[in-house]
Amino acid sequence: MTFPVWLSIGPWRAHPHFVFEMLAYIAGFWLYMARRRVLGDHLPNHVRWSLVAAAAVGAAIGSRVLSWLEDPSAMLQIERVRVVVAGKTAVGGLLGGWLAVELQKRRLRVQEATGHLFAVPLAVGLAIGRMGCFLSGLPDGTYGVETSLPWGIDLGDGVTRHPTALYESVFMLILAAALVRAERTASRGRVFTVFMIAYLMFRLAADAIKPGVALALGLTAIQWACVAGLVCYGRRFIAARCRRDEGVPFEQVRSAEGRTR
């Protein structure tokens, strides 16, 4: 297999990253709308779409800012500025979207959980998008370090590497299935919290087998962002569980969890 794997669509040839990124957006949005119809939505339309818009803007900003922090020295190299500016990272997108939604919820005085409808679509979208990352090969920058494992893949530089993008695709599909089962009994806030904790833990581990520039203590900017996110979500998850164990009325616990989105 030669990377990148260009895809033939009728008379056109399309880059795999573009194709799978568009498929991820389309599949995620379709799944979100389908689940909203089936599960219902406790928020009025204007509030929901205001939060969706905030999430989109926050994700766009967060994904790029964290990507820049991955290798700040690259911004000083003129020939690499275009590549760095165009870069995006899913961790930054998720954390940026979450922060933007929290700010918008505070402005609108929304205290209920709002992220439960997004957890499964996000997991499926990430699974699809990472297939495009894998097929894009080395230029995508999501490959792993050298490995002697039998499933290692040569992306074109003669080095057998961890196919970390495929690892993420498989993990996200498993997580999506687990979330579908969990949401039958879990409260609204808990579903999105579990999604974020699971993904951030996975990325913290997976990025350890990717080449990267250490920011401090051997961890990259993305890994430090994962640590920060895990501290935030972990504290809220534990706090909500303690309230429930201590006999706090269920509705009060849901309200507390709601503030975790």
C-alpha atoms as a PDB file:
ATOM      1  CA  MET A   1       0.000   0.000   0.000  1.00  0.00           C
ATOM      2  CA  THR A   2       1.297   3.446  -0.949  1.00  0.00           C
ATOM      3  CA  PHE A   3       0.526   6.384   1.325  1.00  0.00           C
ATOM      4  CA  PRO A   4      -1.370   8.621   1.103  1.00  0.00           C
ATOM      5  CA  VAL A   5      -4.074   6.356  -0.317  1.00  0.00           C
ATOM      6  CA  TRP A   6      -5.915   8.601  -2.761  1.00  0.00           C
ATOM      7  CA  LEU A   7      -9.575   7.700  -3.241  1.00  0.00           C
ATOM      8  CA  SER A   8     -11.288   7.571  -6.617  1.00  0.00           C
ATOM      9  CA  ILE A   9     -14.729   9.166  -6.655  1.00  0.00           C
ATOM     10  CA  GLY A  10     -16.031   8.949 -10.192  1.00  0.00           C
ATOM     11  CA  PRO A  11     -13.639  10.941 -12.395  1.00  0.00           C
ATOM     12  CA  TRP A  12     -12.051  12.651  -9.386  1.00  0.00           C
ATOM     13  CA  ARG A  13      -9.271  11.679  -7.003  1.00  0.00           C
ATOM     14  CA  ALA A  14      -9.720  12.851  -3.430  1.00  0.00           C
ATOM     15  CA  HIS A  15      -7.337  12.952  -0.484  1.00  0.00           C
ATOM     16  CA  PRO A  16      -8.360  10.424   2.202  1.00  0.00           C
ATOM     17  CA  HIS A  17      -8.108  12.931   5.044  1.00  0.00           C
ATOM     18  CA  PHE A  18     -10.637  15.259   3.396  1.00  0.00           C
ATOM     19  CA  VAL A  19     -13.018  12.426   2.472  1.00  0.00           C
ATOM     20  CA  PHE A  20     -13.063  10.788   5.888  1.00  0.00           C
ATOM     21  CA  GLU A  21     -13.202  14.104   7.742  1.00  0.00           C
ATOM     22  CA  MET A  22     -16.321  15.046   5.763  1.00  0.00           C
ATOM     23  CA  LEU A  23     -17.787  11.579   6.371  1.00  0.00           C
ATOM     24  CA  ALA A  24     -17.093  11.994  10.097  1.00  0.00           C
ATOM     25  CA  TYR A  25     -18.936  15.330  10.204  1.00  0.00           C
ATOM     26  CA  ILE A  26     -21.868  14.001   8.191  1.00  0.00           C
ATOM     27  CA  ALA A  27     -22.171  10.752  10.169  1.00  0.00           C
ATOM     28  CA  GLY A  28     -21.804  12.526  13.516  1.00  0.00           C
ATOM     29  CA  PHE A  29     -24.441  15.150  12.680  1.00  0.00           C
ATOM     30  CA  TRP A  30     -26.851  12.578  11.255  1.00  0.00           C
ATOM     31  CA  LEU A  31     -26.436  10.378  14.322  1.00  0.00           C
ATOM     32  CA  TYR A  32     -26.930  13.362  16.634  1.00  0.00           C
ATOM     33  CA  MET A  33     -30.179  14.361  14.889  1.00  0.00           C
ATOM     34  CA  ALA A  34     -31.438  10.760  14.878  1.00  0.00           C
ATOM     35  CA  ARG A  35     -30.725  10.324  18.575  1.00  0.00           C
ATOM     36  CA  ARG A  36     -32.343  13.654  19.379  1.00  0.00           C
ATOM     37  CA  ARG A  37     -35.531  12.504  17.668  1.00  0.00           C
ATOM     38  CA  VAL A  38     -35.524   9.131  19.429  1.00  0.00           C
ATOM     39  CA  LEU A  39     -34.347  10.175  22.898  1.00  0.00           C
ATOM     40  CA  GLY A  40     -35.893  13.626  22.951  1.00  0.00           C
ATOM     41  CA  ASP A  41     -34.303  16.852  24.114  1.00  0.00           C
ATOM     42  CA  HIS A  42     -35.024  18.668  27.364  1.00  0.00           C
ATOM     43  CA  LEU A  43     -33.700  21.949  25.946  1.00  0.00           C
ATOM     44  CA  PRO A  44     -35.648  24.396  23.738  1.00  0.00           C
ATOM     45  CA  ASN A  45     -34.443  24.546  20.128  1.00  0.00           C
ATOM     46  CA  HIS A  46     -32.928  28.015  20.384  1.00  0.00           C
ATOM     47  CA  VAL A  47     -30.917  27.041  23.473  1.00  0.00           C
ATOM     48  CA  ARG A  48     -29.724  23.760  21.956  1.00  0.00           C
ATOM     49  CA  TRP A  49     -28.526  25.338  18.719  1.00  0.00           C
ATOM     50  CA  SER A  50     -26.871  28.156  20.630  1.00  0.00           C
ATOM     51  CA  LEU A  51     -24.857  25.533  22.514  1.00  0.00           C
ATOM     52  CA  VAL A  52     -24.079  23.651  19.295  1.00  0.00           C
ATOM     53  CA  ALA A  53     -22.749  26.863  17.737  1.00  0.00           C
ATOM     54  CA  ALA A  54     -20.639  27.567  20.831  1.00  0.00           C
ATOM     55  CA  ALA A  55     -19.229  24.027  20.724  1.00  0.00           C
ATOM     56  CA  ALA A  56     -18.303  24.388  17.048  1.00  0.00           C
ATOM     57  CA  VAL A  57     -16.501  27.693  17.576  1.00  0.00           C
ATOM     58  CA  GLY A  58     -14.744  26.487  20.730  1.00  0.00           C
ATOM     59  CA  ALA A  59     -13.672  23.256  19.044  1.00  0.00           C
ATOM     60  CA  ALA A  60     -12.243  25.113  16.039  1.00  0.00           C
ATOM     61  CA  ILE A  61     -10.211  27.423  18.279  1.00  0.00           C
ATOM     62  CA  GLY A  62      -9.133  24.780  20.798  1.00  0.00           C
ATOM     63  CA  SER A  63      -8.037  22.277  18.159  1.00  0.00           C
ATOM     64  CA  ARG A  64      -5.708  24.792  16.540  1.00  0.00           C
ATOM     65  CA  VAL A  65      -4.325  26.389  19.690  1.00  0.00           C
ATOM     66  CA  LEU A  66      -3.313  23.037  21.149  1.00  0.00           C
ATOM     67  CA  SER A  67      -1.838  22.007  17.811  1.00  0.00           C
ATOM     68  CA  TRP A  68       0.368  25.122  17.842  1.00  0.00           C
ATOM     69  CA  LEU A  69       1.511  24.336  21.386  1.00  0.00           C
ATOM     70  CA  GLU A  70       2.619  20.874  20.270  1.00  0.00           C
ATOM     71  CA  ASP A  71       5.704  22.400  18.639  1.00  0.00           C
ATOM     72  CA  PRO A  72       6.023  26.153  19.383  1.00  0.00           C
ATOM     73  CA  SER A  73       9.469  26.324  17.766  1.00  0.00           C
ATOM     74  CA  ALA A  74       7.897  25.457  14.402  1.00  0.00           C
ATOM     75  CA  MET A  75       6.192  28.852  14.410  1.00  0.00           C
ATOM     76  CA  LEU A  76       9.646  30.412  14.115  1.00  0.00           C
ATOM     77  CA  GLN A  77      10.380  28.460  10.928  1.00  0.00           C
ATOM     78  CA  ILE A  78       8.776  30.287   8.018  1.00  0.00           C
ATOM     79  CA  GLU A  79       8.581  27.203   5.810  1.00  0.00           C
ATOM     80  CA  ARG A  80       6.578  25.353   8.488  1.00  0.00           C
ATOM     81  CA  VAL A  81       4.168  28.094   9.559  1.00  0.00           C
ATOM     82  CA  ARG A  82       1.526  27.111   7.006  1.00  0.00           C
ATOM     83  CA  VAL A  83       1.585  23.484   8.118  1.00  0.00           C
ATOM     84  CA  VAL A  84       1.375  24.387  11.810  1.00  0.00           C
ATOM     85  CA  VAL A  85      -1.431  26.918  11.336  1.00  0.00           C
ATOM     86  CA  ALA A  86      -3.457  24.333   9.415  1.00  0.00           C
ATOM     87  CA  GLY A  87      -2.943  21.698  12.097  1.00  0.00           C
ATOM     88  CA  LYS A  88      -5.744  20.464  14.337  1.00  0.00           C
ATOM     89  CA  THR A  89      -5.974  18.105  17.286  1.00  0.00           C
ATOM     90  CA  ALA A  90      -9.047  16.256  18.552  1.00  0.00           C
ATOM     91  CA  VAL A  91      -8.118  16.729  22.206  1.00  0.00           C
ATOM     92  CA  GLY A  92      -7.979  20.504  21.764  1.00  0.00           C
ATOM     93  CA  GLY A  93     -11.252  20.409  19.856  1.00  0.00           C
ATOM     94  CA  LEU A  94     -13.075  18.493  22.582  1.00  0.00           C
ATOM     95  CA  LEU A  95     -11.710  20.586  25.443  1.00  0.00           C
ATOM     96  CA  GLY A  96     -12.229  23.841  23.545  1.00  0.00           C
ATOM     97  CA  GLY A  97     -15.791  22.875  22.661  1.00  0.00           C
ATOM     98  CA  TRP A  98     -16.522  21.903  26.259  1.00  0.00           C
ATOM     99  CA  LEU A  99     -15.186  25.192  27.649  1.00  0.00           C
ATOM    100  CA  ALA A 100     -17.155  27.210  25.091  1.00  0.00           C
ATOM    101  CA  VAL A 101     -20.362  25.363  25.954  1.00  0.00           C
ATOM    102  CA  GLU A 102     -19.801  25.892  29.673  1.00  0.00           C
ATOM    103  CA  LEU A 103     -19.393  29.636  29.111  1.00  0.00           C
ATOM    104  CA  GLN A 104     -22.504  29.743  26.930  1.00  0.00           C
ATOM    105  CA  LYS A 105     -24.492  27.747  29.490  1.00  0.00           C
ATOM    106  CA  ARG A 106     -23.485  30.194  32.179  1.00  0.00           C
ATOM    107  CA  ARG A 107     -24.558  33.108  29.981  1.00  0.00           C
ATOM    108  CA  LEU A 108     -27.912  31.453  29.273  1.00  0.00           C
ATOM    109  CA  ARG A 109     -28.226  30.267  32.899  1.00  0.00           C
ATOM    110  CA  VAL A 110     -28.583  26.637  31.855  1.00  0.00           C
ATOM    111  CA  GLN A 111     -27.800  24.203  34.681  1.00  0.00           C
ATOM    112  CA  GLU A 112     -29.026  20.938  33.187  1.00  0.00           C
ATOM    113  CA  ALA A 113     -26.679  18.443  31.538  1.00  0.00           C
ATOM    114  CA  THR A 114     -26.454  19.088  27.801  1.00  0.00           C
ATOM    115  CA  GLY A 115     -23.772  16.729  26.458  1.00  0.00           C
ATOM    116  CA  HIS A 116     -25.493  13.339  26.570  1.00  0.00           C
ATOM    117  CA  LEU A 117     -26.727  13.578  22.969  1.00  0.00           C
ATOM    118  CA  PHE A 118     -23.200  14.287  21.695  1.00  0.00           C
ATOM    119  CA  ALA A 119     -21.203  11.486  23.311  1.00  0.00           C
ATOM    120  CA  VAL A 120     -22.016   8.643  20.900  1.00  0.00           C
ATOM    121  CA  PRO A 121     -21.935  10.809  17.718  1.00  0.00           C
ATOM    122  CA  LEU A 122     -18.549  12.203  18.736  1.00  0.00           C
ATOM    123  CA  ALA A 123     -17.151   8.716  19.350  1.00  0.00           C
ATOM    124  CA  VAL A 124     -18.392   7.458  15.973  1.00  0.00           C
ATOM    125  CA  GLY A 125     -17.167  10.591  14.194  1.00  0.00           C
ATOM    126  CA  LEU A 126     -13.695  10.234  15.682  1.00  0.00           C
ATOM    127  CA  ALA A 127     -13.586   6.564  14.670  1.00  0.00           C
ATOM    128  CA  ILE A 128     -14.362   7.491  11.058  1.00  0.00           C
ATOM    129  CA  GLY A 129     -12.059  10.488  10.956  1.00  0.00           C
ATOM    130  CA  ARG A 130      -9.061   8.529  12.202  1.00  0.00           C
ATOM    131  CA  MET A 131      -9.373   6.183   9.226  1.00  0.00           C
ATOM    132  CA  GLY A 132      -8.590   9.188   7.044  1.00  0.00           C
ATOM    133  CA  CYS A 133      -5.624  10.021   9.250  1.00  0.00           C
ATOM    134  CA  PHE A 134      -4.246   6.519   8.821  1.00  0.00           C
ATOM    135  CA  LEU A 135      -4.709   6.486   5.038  1.00  0.00           C
ATOM    136  CA  SER A 136      -2.988   9.880   4.801  1.00  0.00           C
ATOM    137  CA  GLY A 137       0.284   8.363   5.982  1.00  0.00           C
ATOM    138  CA  LEU A 138       3.240  10.278   7.388  1.00  0.00           C
ATOM    139  CA  PRO A 139       2.185  13.836   6.407  1.00  0.00           C
ATOM    140  CA  ASP A 140      -0.821  13.596   8.723  1.00  0.00           C
ATOM    141  CA  GLY A 141       1.442  13.382  11.768  1.00  0.00           C
ATOM    142  CA  THR A 142      -0.709  10.867  13.689  1.00  0.00           C
ATOM    143  CA  TYR A 143       1.601   7.863  13.248  1.00  0.00           C
ATOM    144  CA  GLY A 144       3.314   6.001  16.047  1.00  0.00           C
ATOM    145  CA  VAL A 145       6.915   5.226  16.899  1.00  0.00           C
ATOM    146  CA  GLU A 146       8.797   2.210  15.597  1.00  0.00           C
ATOM    147  CA  THR A 147       7.590  -1.202  16.731  1.00  0.00           C
ATOM    148  CA  SER A 148       8.429  -4.856  16.147  1.00  0.00           C
ATOM    149  CA  LEU A 149       4.850  -5.991  16.724  1.00  0.00           C
ATOM    150  CA  PRO A 150       3.365  -8.043  13.853  1.00  0.00           C
ATOM    151  CA  TRP A 151       0.679  -5.442  13.101  1.00  0.00           C
ATOM    152  CA  GLY A 152       3.163  -2.626  12.680  1.00  0.00           C
ATOM    153  CA  ILE A 153       2.854  -0.762   9.360  1.00  0.00           C
ATOM    154  CA  ASP A 154       5.392   0.908   7.085  1.00  0.00           C
ATOM    155  CA  LEU A 155       3.863   4.236   6.047  1.00  0.00           C
ATOM    156  CA  GLY A 156       6.463   4.823   3.370  1.00  0.00           C
ATOM    157  CA  ASP A 157       9.665   5.710   5.201  1.00  0.00           C
ATOM    158  CA  GLY A 158      10.907   2.157   5.688  1.00  0.00           C
ATOM    159  CA  VAL A 159      10.062   2.168   9.417  1.00  0.00           C
ATOM    160  CA  THR A 160       7.498  -0.259  10.848  1.00  0.00           C
ATOM    161  CA  ARG A 161       5.329   1.865  13.126  1.00  0.00           C
ATOM    162  CA  HIS A 162       2.406   1.586  15.524  1.00  0.00           C
ATOM    163  CA  PRO A 163      -0.780   2.331  13.539  1.00  0.00           C
ATOM    164  CA  THR A 164      -2.006   4.648  16.314  1.00  0.00           C
ATOM    165  CA  ALA A 165      -4.776   6.122  14.165  1.00  0.00           C
ATOM    166  CA  LEU A 166      -6.245   2.632  13.750  1.00  0.00           C
ATOM    167  CA  TYR A 167      -5.889   2.006  17.486  1.00  0.00           C
ATOM    168  CA  GLU A 168      -8.018   5.097  18.066  1.00  0.00           C
ATOM    169  CA  SER A 169     -10.647   4.064  15.508  1.00  0.00           C
ATOM    170  CA  VAL A 170     -11.107   0.689  17.172  1.00  0.00           C
ATOM    171  CA  PHE A 171     -11.147   2.186  20.669  1.00  0.00           C
ATOM    172  CA  MET A 172     -13.769   4.779  19.725  1.00  0.00           C
ATOM    173  CA  LEU A 173     -16.082   2.179  18.188  1.00  0.00           C
ATOM    174  CA  ILE A 174     -15.861   0.086  21.357  1.00  0.00           C
ATOM    175  CA  LEU A 175     -16.471   3.192  23.469  1.00  0.00           C
ATOM    176  CA  ALA A 176     -19.492   4.169  21.361  1.00  0.00           C
ATOM    177  CA  ALA A 177     -21.042   0.730  21.911  1.00  0.00           C
ATOM    178  CA  ALA A 178     -20.339   0.939  25.654  1.00  0.00           C
ATOM    179  CA  LEU A 179     -21.916   4.399  25.879  1.00  0.00           C
ATOM    180  CA  VAL A 180     -25.084   3.214  24.131  1.00  0.00           C
ATOM    181  CA  ARG A 181     -25.467   0.545  26.796  1.00  0.00           C
ATOM    182  CA  ALA A 182     -24.515   2.831  29.673  1.00  0.00           C
ATOM    183  CA  GLU A 183     -26.963   5.595  28.786  1.00  0.00           C
ATOM    184  CA  ARG A 184     -29.919   3.270  29.444  1.00  0.00           C
ATOM    185  CA  THR A 185     -29.379   3.695  33.169  1.00  0.00           C
ATOM    186  CA  ALA A 186     -26.901   6.569  33.563  1.00  0.00           C
ATOM    187  CA  SER A 187     -27.913  10.169  34.197  1.00  0.00           C
ATOM    188  CA  ARG A 188     -27.436  12.766  31.477  1.00  0.00           C
ATOM    189  CA  GLY A 189     -24.270  14.335  32.856  1.00  0.00           C
ATOM    190  CA  ARG A 190     -22.633  10.978  33.520  1.00  0.00           C
ATOM    191  CA  VAL A 191     -22.673   9.816  29.879  1.00  0.00           C
ATOM    192  CA  PHE A 192     -20.649  12.714  28.489  1.00  0.00           C
ATOM    193  CA  THR A 193     -18.334  12.669  31.500  1.00  0.00           C
ATOM    194  CA  VAL A 194     -17.548   8.982  30.916  1.00  0.00           C
ATOM    195  CA  PHE A 195     -16.899   9.717  27.231  1.00  0.00           C
ATOM    196  CA  MET A 196     -14.450  12.511  28.035  1.00  0.00           C
ATOM    197  CA  ILE A 197     -12.615  10.587  30.764  1.00  0.00           C
ATOM    198  CA  ALA A 198     -12.274   7.488  28.554  1.00  0.00           C
ATOM    199  CA  TYR A 199     -11.021   9.441  25.551  1.00  0.00           C
ATOM    200  CA  LEU A 200      -8.565  11.580  27.503  1.00  0.00           C
ATOM    201  CA  MET A 201      -7.151   8.497  29.234  1.00  0.00           C
ATOM    202  CA  PHE A 202      -6.751   6.765  25.880  1.00  0.00           C
ATOM    203  CA  ARG A 203      -4.980   9.747  24.325  1.00  0.00           C
ATOM    204  CA  LEU A 204      -2.706  10.177  27.326  1.00  0.00           C
ATOM    205  CA  ALA A 205      -1.549   6.580  26.806  1.00  0.00           C
ATOM    206  CA  ALA A 206      -1.602   6.513  22.994  1.00  0.00           C
ATOM    207  CA  ASP A 207       0.437   9.693  22.615  1.00  0.00           C
ATOM    208  CA  ALA A 208       3.197   8.050  24.635  1.00  0.00           C
ATOM    209  CA  ILE A 209       3.901   5.877  21.571  1.00  0.00           C
ATOM    210  CA  LYS A 210       3.850   8.791  19.139  1.00  0.00           C
ATOM    211  CA  PRO A 211       6.843  10.961  18.301  1.00  0.00           C
ATOM    212  CA  GLY A 212       6.402  14.427  19.766  1.00  0.00           C
ATOM    213  CA  VAL A 213       8.025  17.415  21.411  1.00  0.00           C
ATOM    214  CA  ALA A 214       8.037  17.133  25.219  1.00  0.00           C
ATOM    215  CA  LEU A 215       6.704  20.250  26.895  1.00  0.00           C
ATOM    216  CA  ALA A 216       7.581  19.302  30.493  1.00  0.00           C
ATOM    217  CA  LEU A 217       8.326  16.123  32.466  1.00  0.00           C
ATOM    218  CA  GLY A 218       8.456  14.132  29.251  1.00  0.00           C
ATOM    219  CA  LEU A 219       4.839  14.890  28.321  1.00  0.00           C
ATOM    220  CA  THR A 220       3.680  16.702  25.186  1.00  0.00           C
ATOM    221  CA  ALA A 221       1.215  19.594  25.150  1.00  0.00           C
ATOM    222  CA  ILE A 222      -1.580  17.202  24.167  1.00  0.00           C
ATOM    223  CA  GLN A 223      -0.768  14.891  27.054  1.00  0.00           C
ATOM    224  CA  TRP A 224      -0.741  17.808  29.503  1.00  0.00           C
ATOM    225  CA  ALA A 225      -4.112  18.900  28.128  1.00  0.00           C
ATOM    226  CA  CYS A 226      -5.360  15.355  28.755  1.00  0.00           C
ATOM    227  CA  VAL A 227      -4.074  15.509  32.338  1.00  0.00           C
ATOM    228  CA  ALA A 228      -5.827  18.838  32.928  1.00  0.00           C
ATOM    229  CA  GLY A 229      -9.066  17.520  31.458  1.00  0.00           C
ATOM    230  CA  LEU A 230      -8.881  14.337  33.522  1.00  0.00           C
ATOM    231  CA  VAL A 231      -8.333  16.300  36.736  1.00  0.00           C
ATOM    232  CA  CYS A 232     -11.364  18.459  35.990  1.00  0.00           C
ATOM    233  CA  TYR A 233     -13.686  15.649  34.942  1.00  0.00           C
ATOM    234  CA  GLY A 234     -12.356  13.206  37.520  1.00  0.00           C
ATOM    235  CA  ARG A 235     -13.055  15.580  40.399  1.00  0.00           C
ATOM    236  CA  ARG A 236     -16.597  16.205  39.200  1.00  0.00           C
ATOM    237  CA  PHE A 237     -17.249  12.520  38.593  1.00  0.00           C
ATOM    238  CA  ILE A 238     -16.050  11.617  42.105  1.00  0.00           C
ATOM    239  CA  ALA A 239     -17.966  14.501  43.689  1.00  0.00           C
ATOM    240  CA  ALA A 240     -21.221  13.441  42.047  1.00  0.00           C
ATOM    241  CA  ARG A 241     -20.683   9.815  43.097  1.00  0.00           C
ATOM    242  CA  CYS A 242     -19.966  10.842  46.702  1.00  0.00           C
ATOM    243  CA  ARG A 243     -23.151  12.898  46.837  1.00  0.00           C
ATOM    244  CA  ARG A 244     -25.138   9.905  45.650  1.00  0.00           C
ATOM    245  CA  ASP A 245     -23.448   7.533  48.116  1.00  0.00           C
ATOM    246  CA  GLU A 246     -24.145   9.952  50.975  1.00  0.00           C
ATOM    247  CA  GLY A 247     -27.831   9.910  50.207  1.00  0.00           C
ATOM    248  CA  VAL A 248     -28.221  13.253  48.444  1.00  0.00           C
ATOM    249  CA  PRO A 249     -31.523  13.236  46.531  1.00  0.00           C
ATOM    250  CA  PHE A 250     -31.096  11.988  42.966  1.00  0.00           C
ATOM    251  CA  GLU A 251     -32.324  15.226  41.353  1.00  0.00           C
ATOM    252  CA  GLN A 252     -29.683  17.238  43.223  1.00  0.00           C
ATOM    253  CA  VAL A 253     -26.997  14.875  41.985  1.00  0.00           C
ATOM    254  CA  ARG A 254     -28.241  15.250  38.403  1.00  0.00           C
ATOM    255  CA  SER A 255     -28.145  19.004  38.773  1.00  0.00           C
ATOM    256  CA  ALA A 256     -24.535  18.835  39.988  1.00  0.00           C
ATOM    257  CA  GLU A 257     -23.610  16.496  37.161  1.00  0.00           C
ATOM    258  CA  GLY A 258     -25.320  18.796  34.717  1.00  0.00           C
ATOM    259  CA  ARG A 259     -22.676  21.411  35.307  1.00  0.00           C
ATOM    260  CA  THR A 260     -20.080  18.967  33.924  1.00  0.00           C
ATOM    261  CA  ARG A 261     -21.856  18.971  30.568  1.00  0.00           C
END
